[in-house]
Amino acid sequence: MSNDEYSQNEKAINAQLNSIGIPTNNELESKTTFNGGIVYVNSYTRNDGTKVKGYYRAR
């Protein structure tokens, strides 16, 4: 995300952070260990050449 994109979306980003927050590493680790609910997907490149950054997702 560029600085311009961030500036344009800063209010929405902050609203989301305040409503759902960002999980800590400990929270992610415990949810993965006990519930199997969150997993980390490593970065990869699609067949069409599109690069996808790593991210967390529900199992």
N, C-alpha and C. Protein backbone atom coordinates (compact mmCIF):
# COMPACT_ATOMS: atom_id res chain seq x y z
N MET A 1 0.85 -1.16 0.00
CA MET A 1 0.00 0.00 0.00
C MET A 1 0.90 1.23 0.00
N SER A 2 0.63 2.11 -0.90
CA SER A 2 1.43 3.34 -0.98
C SER A 2 1.00 4.32 0.12
N ASN A 3 1.81 5.34 0.33
CA ASN A 3 1.46 6.38 1.30
C ASN A 3 0.17 7.08 0.93
N ASP A 4 -0.03 7.33 -0.37
CA ASP A 4 -1.26 7.98 -0.83
C ASP A 4 -2.48 7.11 -0.54
N GLU A 5 -2.35 5.81 -0.82
CA GLU A 5 -3.47 4.90 -0.56
C GLU A 5 -3.78 4.85 0.93
N TYR A 6 -2.72 4.81 1.75
CA TYR A 6 -2.93 4.80 3.20
C TYR A 6 -3.64 6.07 3.65
N SER A 7 -3.17 7.22 3.17
CA SER A 7 -3.77 8.50 3.55
C SER A 7 -5.25 8.55 3.18
N GLN A 8 -5.58 8.05 2.01
CA GLN A 8 -6.97 8.06 1.55
C GLN A 8 -7.85 7.13 2.38
N ASN A 9 -7.27 6.06 2.92
CA ASN A 9 -8.05 5.05 3.63
C ASN A 9 -7.78 5.02 5.13
N GLU A 10 -7.05 6.01 5.63
CA GLU A 10 -6.63 6.00 7.03
C GLU A 10 -7.81 5.91 8.01
N LYS A 11 -8.88 6.65 7.78
CA LYS A 11 -10.04 6.61 8.68
C LYS A 11 -10.65 5.21 8.73
N ALA A 12 -10.80 4.57 7.58
CA ALA A 12 -11.38 3.24 7.54
C ALA A 12 -10.45 2.22 8.19
N ILE A 13 -9.17 2.38 7.98
CA ILE A 13 -8.19 1.47 8.59
C ILE A 13 -8.24 1.59 10.10
N ASN A 14 -8.23 2.82 10.60
CA ASN A 14 -8.27 3.02 12.05
C ASN A 14 -9.58 2.52 12.65
N ALA A 15 -10.69 2.70 11.96
CA ALA A 15 -11.98 2.20 12.45
C ALA A 15 -11.95 0.67 12.57
N GLN A 16 -11.35 0.02 11.58
CA GLN A 16 -11.27 -1.43 11.62
C GLN A 16 -10.33 -1.89 12.75
N LEU A 17 -9.20 -1.21 12.91
CA LEU A 17 -8.28 -1.56 13.99
C LEU A 17 -8.96 -1.42 15.35
N ASN A 18 -9.76 -0.38 15.51
CA ASN A 18 -10.45 -0.16 16.78
C ASN A 18 -11.56 -1.16 17.02
N SER A 19 -12.19 -1.65 15.96
CA SER A 19 -13.31 -2.57 16.14
C SER A 19 -12.87 -4.01 16.30
N ILE A 20 -11.90 -4.46 15.49
CA ILE A 20 -11.49 -5.86 15.59
C ILE A 20 -10.05 -6.03 16.05
N GLY A 21 -9.25 -5.00 15.93
CA GLY A 21 -7.87 -5.05 16.39
C GLY A 21 -6.99 -5.93 15.52
N ILE A 22 -5.75 -6.04 15.95
CA ILE A 22 -4.77 -6.89 15.28
C ILE A 22 -4.37 -7.96 16.29
N PRO A 23 -4.47 -9.23 15.93
CA PRO A 23 -4.10 -10.27 16.89
C PRO A 23 -2.60 -10.25 17.18
N THR A 24 -2.25 -10.52 18.42
CA THR A 24 -0.83 -10.63 18.78
C THR A 24 -0.32 -11.99 18.33
N ASN A 25 0.99 -12.15 18.30
CA ASN A 25 1.57 -13.45 17.95
C ASN A 25 1.09 -14.53 18.90
N ASN A 26 0.99 -14.20 20.20
CA ASN A 26 0.51 -15.19 21.19
C ASN A 26 -0.92 -15.61 20.91
N GLU A 27 -1.78 -14.66 20.56
CA GLU A 27 -3.17 -14.99 20.23
C GLU A 27 -3.24 -15.90 19.01
N LEU A 28 -2.46 -15.57 17.99
CA LEU A 28 -2.45 -16.40 16.79
C LEU A 28 -1.93 -17.79 17.08
N GLU A 29 -0.88 -17.85 17.88
CA GLU A 29 -0.28 -19.13 18.22
C GLU A 29 -1.25 -20.01 19.00
N SER A 30 -1.94 -19.42 19.99
CA SER A 30 -2.86 -20.21 20.80
C SER A 30 -4.07 -20.67 19.98
N LYS A 31 -4.57 -19.81 19.10
CA LYS A 31 -5.71 -20.21 18.27
C LYS A 31 -5.32 -21.32 17.31
N THR A 32 -4.11 -21.24 16.79
CA THR A 32 -3.64 -22.28 15.88
C THR A 32 -3.43 -23.58 16.63
N THR A 33 -2.85 -23.50 17.82
CA THR A 33 -2.53 -24.69 18.59
C THR A 33 -3.78 -25.37 19.12
N PHE A 34 -4.68 -24.61 19.69
CA PHE A 34 -5.82 -25.19 20.37
C PHE A 34 -7.04 -25.40 19.48
N ASN A 35 -7.27 -24.53 18.55
CA ASN A 35 -8.46 -24.63 17.70
C ASN A 35 -8.16 -25.05 16.28
N GLY A 36 -6.90 -24.91 15.89
CA GLY A 36 -6.60 -25.15 14.48
C GLY A 36 -7.32 -24.14 13.61
N GLY A 37 -7.66 -22.96 14.20
CA GLY A 37 -8.50 -22.01 13.52
C GLY A 37 -7.80 -21.05 12.60
N ILE A 38 -6.53 -20.73 12.86
CA ILE A 38 -5.83 -19.75 12.04
C ILE A 38 -4.52 -20.37 11.57
N VAL A 39 -4.26 -20.22 10.29
CA VAL A 39 -3.01 -20.72 9.73
C VAL A 39 -2.35 -19.61 8.93
N TYR A 40 -1.03 -19.69 8.82
CA TYR A 40 -0.28 -18.73 8.04
C TYR A 40 -0.01 -19.33 6.67
N VAL A 41 -0.30 -18.58 5.63
CA VAL A 41 -0.03 -19.00 4.26
C VAL A 41 1.20 -18.23 3.78
N ASN A 42 2.23 -18.95 3.39
CA ASN A 42 3.47 -18.32 2.93
C ASN A 42 3.27 -17.61 1.60
N SER A 43 4.14 -16.67 1.31
CA SER A 43 4.13 -15.97 0.02
C SER A 43 4.30 -16.98 -1.10
N TYR A 44 3.67 -16.69 -2.23
CA TYR A 44 3.82 -17.56 -3.39
C TYR A 44 3.54 -16.80 -4.66
N THR A 45 3.88 -17.40 -5.80
CA THR A 45 3.64 -16.80 -7.10
C THR A 45 2.64 -17.67 -7.85
N ARG A 46 1.57 -17.06 -8.32
CA ARG A 46 0.55 -17.79 -9.09
C ARG A 46 1.09 -18.13 -10.47
N ASN A 47 0.40 -19.05 -11.14
CA ASN A 47 0.81 -19.47 -12.49
C ASN A 47 0.87 -18.30 -13.47
N ASP A 48 0.02 -17.29 -13.26
CA ASP A 48 0.01 -16.15 -14.19
C ASP A 48 1.07 -15.11 -13.84
N GLY A 49 1.92 -15.40 -12.82
CA GLY A 49 3.01 -14.50 -12.47
C GLY A 49 2.67 -13.52 -11.35
N THR A 50 1.44 -13.51 -10.88
CA THR A 50 1.03 -12.62 -9.80
C THR A 50 1.67 -13.08 -8.49
N LYS A 51 2.32 -12.14 -7.78
CA LYS A 51 2.94 -12.47 -6.50
C LYS A 51 1.94 -12.20 -5.39
N VAL A 52 1.81 -13.16 -4.48
CA VAL A 52 0.89 -13.05 -3.35
C VAL A 52 1.73 -13.03 -2.08
N LYS A 53 1.53 -12.01 -1.25
CA LYS A 53 2.26 -11.91 0.01
C LYS A 53 1.67 -12.90 1.01
N GLY A 54 2.48 -13.28 2.00
CA GLY A 54 2.01 -14.16 3.05
C GLY A 54 0.88 -13.51 3.85
N TYR A 55 -0.01 -14.34 4.39
CA TYR A 55 -1.16 -13.83 5.14
C TYR A 55 -1.70 -14.90 6.07
N TYR A 56 -2.50 -14.47 7.05
CA TYR A 56 -3.19 -15.40 7.94
C TYR A 56 -4.59 -15.62 7.42
N ARG A 57 -5.10 -16.85 7.59
CA ARG A 57 -6.47 -17.15 7.18
C ARG A 57 -7.08 -18.17 8.12
N ALA A 58 -8.38 -18.24 8.12
CA ALA A 58 -9.08 -19.26 8.90
C ALA A 58 -8.88 -20.61 8.24
N ARG A 59 -8.84 -21.62 9.04
CA ARG A 59 -8.67 -22.97 8.53
C ARG A 59 -9.89 -23.47 7.84
